[in-house]
Amino acid sequence: MRHLLHMATYSSQTNMHARNLAIVWAPNLLRSKDIEATGFNGTAAFMEVRVQSIVVEFILTHVEQLF
């Protein structure tokens, strides 16, 4: 998480701020066995990934307090 936060400091050059990093990394960091097992697709999968990205973004914006 600290590494991703460090990467976010370069967002002016990369456009990878905390939200974009969360969108990209959330499915790997918070892998959902429910999506994999049931083969969610469409809206259900989108909602699950959205929740994951919100959680990862929260963690990234509060790294110092959490870790």
Protein backbone atom coordinates (compact mmCIF):
# COMPACT_ATOMS: atom_id res chain seq x y z
CA MET A 1 0.00 0.00 0.00
CA ARG A 2 2.83 2.39 0.76
CA HIS A 3 4.29 1.66 -2.67
CA LEU A 4 0.98 2.45 -4.36
CA LEU A 5 0.73 5.63 -2.32
CA HIS A 6 4.23 6.54 -3.48
CA MET A 7 3.16 5.90 -7.07
CA ALA A 8 0.19 8.24 -6.55
CA THR A 9 2.62 11.09 -5.81
CA TYR A 10 3.53 10.98 -9.51
CA SER A 11 -0.10 11.41 -10.58
CA SER A 12 0.61 14.75 -12.26
CA GLN A 13 2.79 12.89 -14.75
CA THR A 14 1.01 9.53 -14.91
CA ASN A 15 -2.63 10.43 -14.11
CA MET A 16 -2.60 7.45 -11.74
CA HIS A 17 -3.95 9.07 -8.60
CA ALA A 18 -5.34 7.02 -5.71
CA ARG A 19 -8.70 6.40 -7.41
CA ASN A 20 -7.17 5.13 -10.66
CA LEU A 21 -4.66 2.97 -8.79
CA ALA A 22 -7.51 1.55 -6.73
CA ILE A 23 -9.53 0.70 -9.84
CA VAL A 24 -6.58 -1.13 -11.36
CA TRP A 25 -5.31 -2.92 -8.25
CA ALA A 26 -8.52 -3.65 -6.30
CA PRO A 27 -9.51 -6.84 -8.16
CA ASN A 28 -6.08 -8.32 -7.39
CA LEU A 29 -5.74 -7.07 -3.83
CA LEU A 30 -9.30 -7.97 -2.81
CA ARG A 31 -9.94 -10.98 -5.02
CA SER A 32 -13.51 -12.19 -4.73
CA LYS A 33 -14.00 -15.95 -4.76
CA ASP A 34 -17.74 -15.28 -5.21
CA ILE A 35 -17.14 -13.67 -8.60
CA GLU A 36 -14.80 -16.47 -9.66
CA ALA A 37 -17.00 -19.31 -8.36
CA THR A 38 -20.34 -18.10 -9.66
CA GLY A 39 -19.06 -16.50 -12.81
CA PHE A 40 -20.65 -13.11 -12.09
CA ASN A 41 -20.89 -10.99 -15.17
CA GLY A 42 -22.39 -7.69 -16.13
CA THR A 43 -23.87 -5.51 -13.41
CA ALA A 44 -23.13 -7.83 -10.47
CA ALA A 45 -19.43 -8.07 -11.32
CA PHE A 46 -19.24 -4.32 -11.90
CA MET A 47 -20.79 -3.60 -8.49
CA GLU A 48 -18.42 -6.01 -6.76
CA VAL A 49 -15.36 -4.42 -8.39
CA ARG A 50 -16.72 -0.97 -7.56
CA VAL A 51 -16.93 -1.87 -3.87
CA GLN A 52 -13.41 -3.31 -3.98
CA SER A 53 -12.02 -0.15 -5.59
CA ILE A 54 -13.72 2.07 -3.00
CA VAL A 55 -12.15 0.05 -0.20
CA VAL A 56 -8.68 0.16 -1.77
CA GLU A 57 -8.99 3.90 -2.42
CA PHE A 58 -9.94 4.42 1.23
CA ILE A 59 -6.92 2.41 2.34
CA LEU A 60 -4.63 4.36 0.02
CA THR A 61 -5.86 7.71 1.27
CA HIS A 62 -5.44 6.61 4.91
CA VAL A 63 -2.21 4.58 4.74
CA GLU A 64 -0.49 6.57 7.49
CA GLN A 65 -3.39 6.10 9.92
CA LEU A 66 -3.93 2.41 9.12
CA PHE A 67 -0.33 1.21 8.94
